[in-house]
Amino acid sequence: MIALEGIDDSDLLTQTKNLIKVRKVLVANSGYINICFSSNKIPAFINYAIQSEYPFLQLESSWILVALCSGSTINTQQLVKSNVLEIFIGLCSSNYEEIVEQGIWGIGNIAGDCLELRNKVIKSNAIEVLDQLYLKSNKQDVRDLILWVFTNITRVKSTTEPDINKITKVLKYLRDGFSQTTNLETPGDILGGIENYLSQQYLELFYDEIFVKQLYFYYNSLLSNIYVNRFQIAICNKILGAFTGTTTEATDLILKFNFLEIMAKLLNSKNDAFKIQICFIVSNIVAGNELQQQTVLANNYIMENIIELVYSNSTEISREATIVLCNLYSTKNFNNFLAVCSYINPINFFIHNLNNNTDVKKLIIVLETFMNVCYLYENQSNEK
C-alpha cells in the first residue's frame, strides 16, 4: 500500500491525504489489517491519535485504529498492549464530536473482542467516562453508540466479574436505554446482552414497568416475521422464562401487560422450539398463585393450544404441555380445578398419559399430580 509510506511525509497535507486513503481501504476491505500491522506503521497511527494540534489527523488516525481493532484477537491484543484502550478513552473527552465517536467505537470493539479484553475495559475507567458522556450528551446517536458498547460488555459474561458495581451500572443503562433508543437494531442488541444476566442477583434490576411495557411492544413487533425474527423471539422467551420463574411480582408484571396474547400466537406457530419455550413460561405462571392461574385459565386460546400440544408426537413438546396441565390440576383452589376440568376431563387426561407414556419423567409428574387431585377431592366434602 503506497499510502502507508506516505503517512510519514513531512508535508502535513500529504500525511492527511495518505491517512484518508488508508482509512478508506481498511473500511472497504478488512483484509488490509494484516498489511498495516506488517508495515510497522502502528506507532505512527498512535502518535497521530495522541496529538491534538491537528484534529483532522487525529480523526483519521483514530478511525484507522478503530478499524484495526475489528481484526483478529491477536492484533487487538497487540494494540491494547500499546495503550490504545487508554487512547480511545482519552478521545472521548475531545471537543470534536467525530473524534469522540471514534473513541467510543474503539472501546466497543475492544470490549466485544474476547473475555480478556472485555475485562480490561471493565477494569479501566472506560465505563465511568462513558457514563458521564451519556449523561451530558443530548444526541441519541451518541447515546445509542454508548449502549452498543455496553451490550458488547454484557455479551461475554465472566464467571467472576471484575467489578459487580460496574456491571450493575451497565445493566441499568441497558434497561433504561431499551425504552429510549430510536435505533431499530439497539433493542435486539440490548436484550442479547441482558440474556446473560438473568440470575436473581441481576434480574431484579429489570422488574420495572417501563422496561416490561417496552418489552411487550418489542416482542409483539417480532411477530410480523416469526422466521426472520426467530433469534430475537427466543431471547424474549428466555427473559420471560426467567421473570416468571422468580417472584410473584415479576410474574404479575408479565400478566399485567398481556404477554399471554403474544404467547398464544407463538403456540400456534410452526416453530417447535417456541412451543416448548412458551409451555415452560406458562407452566411457571400457573405454578404461582391462584390469581395467576385464573388469568391463564381465562385465556381460551392459550388453554386450547396447550391441550392440543399434550397429544403432540414430539416427546418434549408433549411433556412441557403436560406439565402445564399438571400444575393447574395441582391447584389448591377447587374452583380453579373445576375450570381446568371444563377444558379437559382429568380422568381422560390421566388415562391418556398412563397408557401412552414411555417418558419416565413425565410419568412421574403425572402420577404426583394424580395424588394431588385425589387429595384435593378428599378435602372437598361435597365432591367425595
Protein backbone atom coordinates (compact mmCIF):
# COMPACT_ATOMS: atom_id res chain seq x y z
CA MET A 1 0.00 0.00 0.00
CA ILE A 2 1.71 3.15 -1.28
CA ALA A 3 -0.46 5.28 1.04
CA LEU A 4 1.21 3.68 4.09
CA GLU A 5 4.61 5.01 3.05
CA GLY A 6 3.19 8.50 2.63
CA ILE A 7 1.90 8.90 6.18
CA ASP A 8 5.44 9.76 7.36
CA ASP A 9 5.85 12.54 4.80
CA SER A 10 6.98 15.88 6.20
CA ASP A 11 4.17 17.67 4.41
CA LEU A 12 1.00 17.93 6.53
CA LEU A 13 -1.32 17.78 3.53
CA THR A 14 0.39 14.65 2.19
CA GLN A 15 0.13 12.98 5.59
CA THR A 16 -3.58 13.73 5.76
CA LYS A 17 -4.30 12.52 2.22
CA ASN A 18 -2.50 9.24 2.82
CA LEU A 19 -4.19 8.65 6.17
CA ILE A 20 -7.54 9.14 4.45
CA LYS A 21 -6.54 6.62 1.77
CA VAL A 22 -5.50 4.05 4.40
CA ARG A 23 -8.72 4.58 6.33
CA LYS A 24 -10.89 4.15 3.23
CA VAL A 25 -9.07 0.98 2.21
CA LEU A 26 -9.44 -0.54 5.70
CA VAL A 27 -13.13 0.31 5.90
CA ALA A 28 -13.74 -1.20 2.46
CA ASN A 29 -11.60 -4.31 2.96
CA SER A 30 -10.63 -5.68 6.38
CA GLY A 31 -8.10 -7.90 4.63
CA TYR A 32 -5.68 -4.97 4.69
CA ILE A 33 -5.49 -5.04 8.50
CA ASN A 34 -2.61 -7.54 8.48
CA ILE A 35 -0.78 -5.42 5.90
CA CYS A 36 -0.96 -2.45 8.26
CA PHE A 37 0.47 -4.50 11.11
CA SER A 38 3.30 -5.89 9.00
CA SER A 39 4.18 -2.40 7.76
CA ASN A 40 5.31 -1.26 11.23
CA LYS A 41 3.20 1.89 10.91
CA ILE A 42 1.15 1.27 14.07
CA PRO A 43 3.33 3.63 16.17
CA ALA A 44 2.72 6.39 13.61
CA PHE A 45 -1.06 5.90 13.79
CA ILE A 46 -0.85 6.01 17.58
CA ASN A 47 1.23 9.19 17.59
CA TYR A 48 -1.24 10.93 15.28
CA ALA A 49 -4.13 9.83 17.52
CA ILE A 50 -2.42 11.13 20.66
CA GLN A 51 -1.63 14.61 19.32
CA SER A 52 -4.45 17.14 19.33
CA GLU A 53 -2.86 20.04 17.46
CA TYR A 54 -4.25 18.79 14.16
CA PRO A 55 -7.76 17.38 14.78
CA PHE A 56 -8.13 16.12 11.20
CA LEU A 57 -5.02 13.94 11.62
CA GLN A 58 -6.31 12.77 14.99
CA LEU A 59 -9.68 11.84 13.49
CA GLU A 60 -8.26 9.87 10.57
CA SER A 61 -5.67 8.03 12.66
CA SER A 62 -8.16 7.15 15.42
CA TRP A 63 -10.58 5.90 12.74
CA ILE A 64 -7.78 3.68 11.42
CA LEU A 65 -7.08 2.33 14.93
CA VAL A 66 -10.78 1.57 15.38
CA ALA A 67 -10.74 -0.41 12.12
CA LEU A 68 -7.60 -2.27 13.21
CA CYS A 69 -9.35 -3.24 16.48
CA SER A 70 -12.01 -5.03 14.46
CA GLY A 71 -9.49 -7.59 13.24
CA SER A 72 -8.14 -10.70 14.95
CA THR A 73 -7.88 -11.01 18.72
CA ILE A 74 -4.09 -11.24 18.46
CA ASN A 75 -3.93 -7.93 16.60
CA THR A 76 -6.34 -6.24 19.02
CA GLN A 77 -4.34 -7.51 22.00
CA GLN A 78 -1.21 -6.05 20.43
CA LEU A 79 -2.91 -2.67 20.12
CA VAL A 80 -4.15 -2.81 23.72
CA LYS A 81 -0.58 -3.51 24.87
CA SER A 82 0.34 -0.30 23.04
CA ASN A 83 -2.17 1.57 25.25
CA VAL A 84 -4.77 2.02 22.51
CA LEU A 85 -7.58 1.46 25.03
CA GLU A 86 -6.35 4.43 27.07
CA ILE A 87 -6.09 6.47 23.86
CA PHE A 88 -9.72 5.70 22.96
CA ILE A 89 -10.83 6.64 26.48
CA GLY A 90 -8.95 9.93 26.13
CA LEU A 91 -10.57 10.66 22.77
CA CYS A 92 -13.97 10.60 24.49
CA SER A 93 -13.01 13.95 26.06
CA SER A 94 -12.31 15.63 22.72
CA ASN A 95 -14.10 18.84 21.78
CA TYR A 96 -14.87 17.33 18.38
CA GLU A 97 -17.89 15.02 18.19
CA GLU A 98 -16.50 12.89 15.36
CA ILE A 99 -13.35 12.18 17.36
CA VAL A 100 -15.43 11.34 20.44
CA GLU A 101 -17.42 8.84 18.37
CA GLN A 102 -14.20 7.13 17.25
CA GLY A 103 -13.19 6.81 20.90
CA ILE A 104 -16.50 5.15 21.71
CA TRP A 105 -16.27 2.84 18.70
CA GLY A 106 -12.75 1.82 19.71
CA ILE A 107 -13.76 0.95 23.28
CA GLY A 108 -16.69 -1.06 21.92
CA ASN A 109 -14.51 -3.04 19.51
CA ILE A 110 -12.09 -3.94 22.30
CA ALA A 111 -14.89 -4.87 24.73
CA GLY A 112 -16.54 -7.13 22.17
CA ASP A 113 -13.39 -8.97 21.13
CA CYS A 114 -12.85 -11.53 23.88
CA LEU A 115 -13.29 -12.08 27.62
CA GLU A 116 -9.76 -10.95 28.48
CA LEU A 117 -10.07 -7.64 26.65
CA ARG A 118 -13.64 -7.13 27.84
CA ASN A 119 -12.39 -7.42 31.42
CA LYS A 120 -9.63 -4.91 30.70
CA VAL A 121 -12.30 -2.44 29.60
CA ILE A 122 -14.23 -3.02 32.84
CA LYS A 123 -11.09 -2.60 34.98
CA SER A 124 -10.21 0.65 33.20
CA ASN A 125 -12.12 3.91 33.71
CA ALA A 126 -13.96 3.47 30.38
CA ILE A 127 -17.37 2.84 31.97
CA GLU A 128 -17.09 5.94 34.16
CA VAL A 129 -16.10 8.06 31.15
CA LEU A 130 -18.95 6.70 29.02
CA ASP A 131 -21.33 7.19 31.95
CA GLN A 132 -20.52 10.91 32.09
CA LEU A 133 -20.59 11.21 28.32
CA TYR A 134 -24.05 9.59 28.16
CA LEU A 135 -25.41 11.96 30.80
CA LYS A 136 -24.15 15.14 29.15
CA SER A 137 -24.92 14.19 25.55
CA ASN A 138 -28.21 15.37 24.07
CA LYS A 139 -27.73 13.34 20.88
CA GLN A 140 -29.46 9.96 20.73
CA ASP A 141 -26.95 8.68 18.17
CA VAL A 142 -24.13 9.11 20.66
CA ARG A 143 -26.20 7.51 23.42
CA ASP A 144 -27.06 4.57 21.17
CA LEU A 145 -23.36 4.11 20.41
CA ILE A 146 -22.58 4.01 24.13
CA LEU A 147 -25.38 1.47 24.63
CA TRP A 148 -23.76 -0.64 21.90
CA VAL A 149 -20.50 -0.62 23.89
CA PHE A 150 -22.41 -1.71 26.99
CA THR A 151 -24.06 -4.56 25.06
CA ASN A 152 -20.61 -5.74 23.98
CA ILE A 153 -19.57 -5.77 27.64
CA THR A 154 -22.58 -7.90 28.60
CA ARG A 155 -22.48 -10.28 25.62
CA VAL A 156 -19.47 -12.05 27.12
CA LYS A 157 -20.06 -12.94 30.77
CA SER A 158 -17.29 -13.84 33.17
CA THR A 159 -17.88 -16.46 35.88
CA THR A 160 -16.23 -13.99 38.25
CA GLU A 161 -16.97 -10.41 37.31
CA PRO A 162 -14.06 -7.99 37.82
CA ASP A 163 -16.42 -5.33 39.19
CA ILE A 164 -20.06 -6.10 40.03
CA ASN A 165 -20.88 -2.45 40.66
CA LYS A 166 -19.78 -1.50 37.16
CA ILE A 167 -21.76 -4.37 35.64
CA THR A 168 -24.82 -3.24 37.59
CA LYS A 169 -24.39 0.30 36.25
CA VAL A 170 -24.10 -1.04 32.69
CA LEU A 171 -27.24 -3.17 33.09
CA LYS A 172 -29.21 -0.19 34.41
CA TYR A 173 -28.22 1.78 31.32
CA LEU A 174 -29.36 -1.09 29.10
CA ARG A 175 -32.67 -1.30 30.96
CA ASP A 176 -33.38 2.40 30.58
CA GLY A 177 -31.94 2.65 27.09
CA PHE A 178 -34.21 -0.14 25.88
CA SER A 179 -37.21 2.20 26.02
CA GLN A 180 -35.34 5.35 24.96
CA THR A 181 -33.46 4.32 21.84
CA THR A 182 -34.68 5.22 18.36
CA ASN A 183 -32.27 2.85 16.63
CA LEU A 184 -34.11 -0.22 15.30
CA GLU A 185 -31.18 -2.57 16.00
CA THR A 186 -30.39 -1.40 19.52
CA PRO A 187 -33.28 -3.15 21.36
CA GLY A 188 -32.21 -6.54 20.00
CA ASP A 189 -28.58 -5.84 20.96
CA ILE A 190 -29.64 -4.81 24.45
CA LEU A 191 -31.70 -7.95 25.05
CA GLY A 192 -28.84 -10.03 23.68
CA GLY A 193 -26.71 -8.64 26.49
CA ILE A 194 -29.38 -8.87 29.18
CA GLU A 195 -30.00 -12.58 28.49
CA ASN A 196 -26.59 -13.33 30.03
CA TYR A 197 -27.62 -11.73 33.33
CA LEU A 198 -30.85 -13.47 34.28
CA SER A 199 -29.76 -14.69 37.70
CA GLN A 200 -31.70 -13.31 40.68
CA GLN A 201 -28.75 -11.07 41.54
CA TYR A 202 -29.27 -9.00 38.39
CA LEU A 203 -32.79 -9.86 37.26
CA GLU A 204 -34.39 -7.65 39.88
CA LEU A 205 -32.95 -4.64 38.03
CA PHE A 206 -35.49 -5.31 35.28
CA TYR A 207 -38.62 -5.53 37.45
CA ASP A 208 -39.53 -2.16 36.01
CA GLU A 209 -42.88 -1.30 34.41
CA ILE A 210 -41.38 0.92 31.72
CA PHE A 211 -38.93 -1.79 30.69
CA VAL A 212 -41.56 -4.56 30.72
CA LYS A 213 -44.04 -2.45 28.76
CA GLN A 214 -41.43 -1.74 26.08
CA LEU A 215 -40.51 -5.43 26.05
CA TYR A 216 -44.14 -6.23 25.28
CA PHE A 217 -44.21 -3.84 22.30
CA TYR A 218 -40.88 -5.15 21.00
CA TYR A 219 -41.92 -8.80 21.47
CA ASN A 220 -45.20 -8.15 19.65
CA SER A 221 -43.41 -6.41 16.76
CA LEU A 222 -41.34 -9.55 16.16
CA LEU A 223 -44.48 -11.48 15.17
CA SER A 224 -44.51 -9.58 11.85
CA ASN A 225 -41.99 -12.14 10.60
CA ILE A 226 -41.52 -15.02 13.02
CA TYR A 227 -38.91 -16.82 10.92
CA VAL A 228 -36.67 -13.78 10.34
CA ASN A 229 -37.01 -12.69 13.98
CA ARG A 230 -36.71 -16.18 15.49
CA PHE A 231 -33.47 -15.46 17.36
CA GLN A 232 -34.84 -12.30 18.96
CA ILE A 233 -38.06 -14.11 19.87
CA ALA A 234 -36.06 -16.88 21.54
CA ILE A 235 -34.20 -14.28 23.63
CA CYS A 236 -37.50 -12.69 24.69
CA ASN A 237 -38.82 -16.13 25.66
CA LYS A 238 -35.70 -16.77 27.75
CA ILE A 239 -36.17 -13.47 29.58
CA LEU A 240 -39.88 -14.19 30.16
CA GLY A 241 -38.99 -17.65 31.47
CA ALA A 242 -36.60 -16.06 33.96
CA PHE A 243 -39.18 -13.46 35.02
CA THR A 244 -41.93 -15.99 35.62
CA GLY A 245 -39.60 -18.36 37.42
CA THR A 246 -38.67 -15.93 40.17
CA THR A 247 -41.08 -13.75 42.14
CA THR A 248 -44.85 -13.28 42.18
CA GLU A 249 -44.34 -9.58 41.48
CA ALA A 250 -42.29 -10.29 38.34
CA THR A 251 -44.93 -12.69 37.03
CA ASP A 252 -47.66 -10.15 37.75
CA LEU A 253 -45.82 -7.63 35.56
CA ILE A 254 -45.83 -10.10 32.66
CA LEU A 255 -49.55 -10.74 33.10
CA LYS A 256 -50.35 -7.04 33.51
CA PHE A 257 -49.05 -6.29 30.01
CA ASN A 258 -50.83 -9.29 28.49
CA PHE A 259 -47.83 -11.21 27.18
CA LEU A 260 -50.19 -14.20 27.07
CA GLU A 261 -51.72 -12.73 23.92
CA ILE A 262 -48.39 -12.94 22.11
CA MET A 263 -47.51 -16.33 23.57
CA ALA A 264 -50.81 -17.77 22.36
CA LYS A 265 -49.85 -16.85 18.79
CA LEU A 266 -46.42 -18.44 19.17
CA LEU A 267 -48.01 -21.65 20.46
CA ASN A 268 -49.82 -21.82 17.14
CA SER A 269 -46.67 -21.23 15.08
CA LYS A 270 -44.71 -23.88 13.20
CA ASN A 271 -41.66 -23.43 15.41
CA ASP A 272 -41.42 -26.37 17.83
CA ALA A 273 -38.78 -24.64 19.96
CA PHE A 274 -41.18 -21.76 20.59
CA LYS A 275 -43.91 -24.18 21.64
CA ILE A 276 -41.58 -25.72 24.24
CA GLN A 277 -40.43 -22.30 25.47
CA ILE A 278 -43.96 -20.93 25.78
CA CYS A 279 -45.18 -24.04 27.62
CA PHE A 280 -42.29 -23.58 30.05
CA ILE A 281 -43.26 -19.93 30.66
CA VAL A 282 -46.95 -20.76 31.13
CA SER A 283 -46.01 -23.63 33.44
CA ASN A 284 -44.07 -21.15 35.58
CA ILE A 285 -47.08 -18.82 35.70
CA VAL A 286 -49.61 -21.46 36.72
CA ALA A 287 -47.22 -22.74 39.37
CA GLY A 288 -47.76 -19.36 41.03
CA ASN A 289 -50.71 -18.07 42.97
CA GLU A 290 -54.43 -18.64 42.37
CA LEU A 291 -54.99 -15.32 40.58
CA GLN A 292 -52.18 -16.06 38.16
CA GLN A 293 -53.72 -19.46 37.46
CA GLN A 294 -57.07 -17.81 36.82
CA THR A 295 -55.54 -15.39 34.32
CA VAL A 296 -54.23 -18.30 32.27
CA LEU A 297 -57.47 -20.25 32.62
CA ALA A 298 -59.40 -17.24 31.32
CA ASN A 299 -57.37 -17.31 28.11
CA ASN A 300 -59.19 -19.88 25.96
CA TYR A 301 -56.69 -19.67 23.15
CA ILE A 302 -53.74 -20.49 25.43
CA MET A 303 -55.57 -23.36 27.07
CA GLU A 304 -56.86 -24.92 23.85
CA ASN A 305 -53.41 -24.80 22.25
CA ILE A 306 -51.72 -26.34 25.26
CA ILE A 307 -54.26 -29.16 25.44
CA GLU A 308 -53.66 -29.87 21.76
CA LEU A 309 -49.90 -30.00 22.41
CA VAL A 310 -50.39 -32.63 25.13
CA TYR A 311 -51.11 -35.05 22.26
CA SER A 312 -48.14 -33.91 20.18
CA ASN A 313 -45.91 -36.55 18.58
CA SER A 314 -42.93 -34.66 19.95
CA THR A 315 -41.95 -36.09 23.33
CA GLU A 316 -40.53 -32.79 24.57
CA ILE A 317 -43.49 -30.69 23.45
CA SER A 318 -45.96 -33.17 24.93
CA ARG A 319 -44.04 -33.25 28.21
CA GLU A 320 -43.92 -29.44 28.59
CA ALA A 321 -47.63 -29.09 27.75
CA THR A 322 -48.48 -31.89 30.18
CA ILE A 323 -46.54 -30.13 32.96
CA VAL A 324 -48.68 -27.00 32.42
CA LEU A 325 -51.87 -29.02 32.97
CA CYS A 326 -50.36 -30.91 35.88
CA ASN A 327 -49.54 -27.61 37.58
CA LEU A 328 -53.11 -26.48 37.02
CA TYR A 329 -54.63 -29.74 38.24
CA SER A 330 -52.44 -29.46 41.36
CA THR A 331 -54.04 -26.16 42.36
CA LYS A 332 -55.29 -25.80 45.93
CA ASN A 333 -58.23 -23.74 44.68
CA PHE A 334 -61.13 -26.06 43.89
CA ASN A 335 -62.78 -23.54 41.56
CA ASN A 336 -59.58 -23.33 39.55
CA PHE A 337 -59.51 -27.10 39.42
CA LEU A 338 -63.07 -27.18 38.07
CA ALA A 339 -62.06 -24.57 35.47
CA VAL A 340 -59.29 -26.88 34.23
CA CYS A 341 -61.77 -29.74 34.11
CA SER A 342 -64.03 -27.66 31.87
CA TYR A 343 -61.24 -27.73 29.27
CA ILE A 344 -60.19 -31.36 29.63
CA ASN A 345 -61.62 -34.20 31.69
CA PRO A 346 -58.98 -35.19 34.28
CA ILE A 347 -59.84 -38.89 34.00
CA ASN A 348 -59.23 -38.80 30.25
CA PHE A 349 -56.04 -36.82 30.80
CA PHE A 350 -54.64 -39.30 33.30
CA ILE A 351 -55.68 -42.38 31.32
CA HIS A 352 -54.05 -40.99 28.17
CA ASN A 353 -50.78 -40.29 29.95
CA LEU A 354 -50.70 -43.61 31.81
CA ASN A 355 -51.48 -45.68 28.71
CA ASN A 356 -49.31 -43.81 26.23
CA ASN A 357 -46.20 -42.92 28.13
CA THR A 358 -42.62 -44.02 27.58
CA ASP A 359 -41.38 -40.72 29.04
CA VAL A 360 -40.46 -41.64 32.64
CA LYS A 361 -40.00 -38.01 33.71
CA LYS A 362 -43.47 -37.09 32.51
CA LEU A 363 -44.99 -40.23 34.02
CA ILE A 364 -43.65 -39.33 37.47
CA ILE A 365 -45.12 -35.83 37.22
CA VAL A 366 -48.48 -37.21 36.10
CA LEU A 367 -48.60 -39.68 39.00
CA GLU A 368 -47.73 -36.96 41.51
CA THR A 369 -50.48 -34.80 40.03
CA PHE A 370 -52.97 -37.67 40.30
CA MET A 371 -52.18 -37.92 44.01
CA ASN A 372 -52.66 -34.15 44.40
CA VAL A 373 -56.03 -34.35 42.69
CA CYS A 374 -57.10 -37.17 44.99
CA TYR A 375 -56.06 -35.13 47.99
CA LEU A 376 -57.98 -32.10 46.70
CA TYR A 377 -61.15 -34.19 46.29
CA GLU A 378 -60.70 -35.69 49.71
CA ASN A 379 -60.76 -32.20 51.20
CA GLN A 380 -63.92 -31.20 49.31
CA SER A 381 -66.66 -32.97 51.26
CA ASN A 382 -69.33 -32.09 48.73
CA GLU A 383 -67.34 -33.76 45.94
CA LYS A 384 -66.40 -37.04 47.68
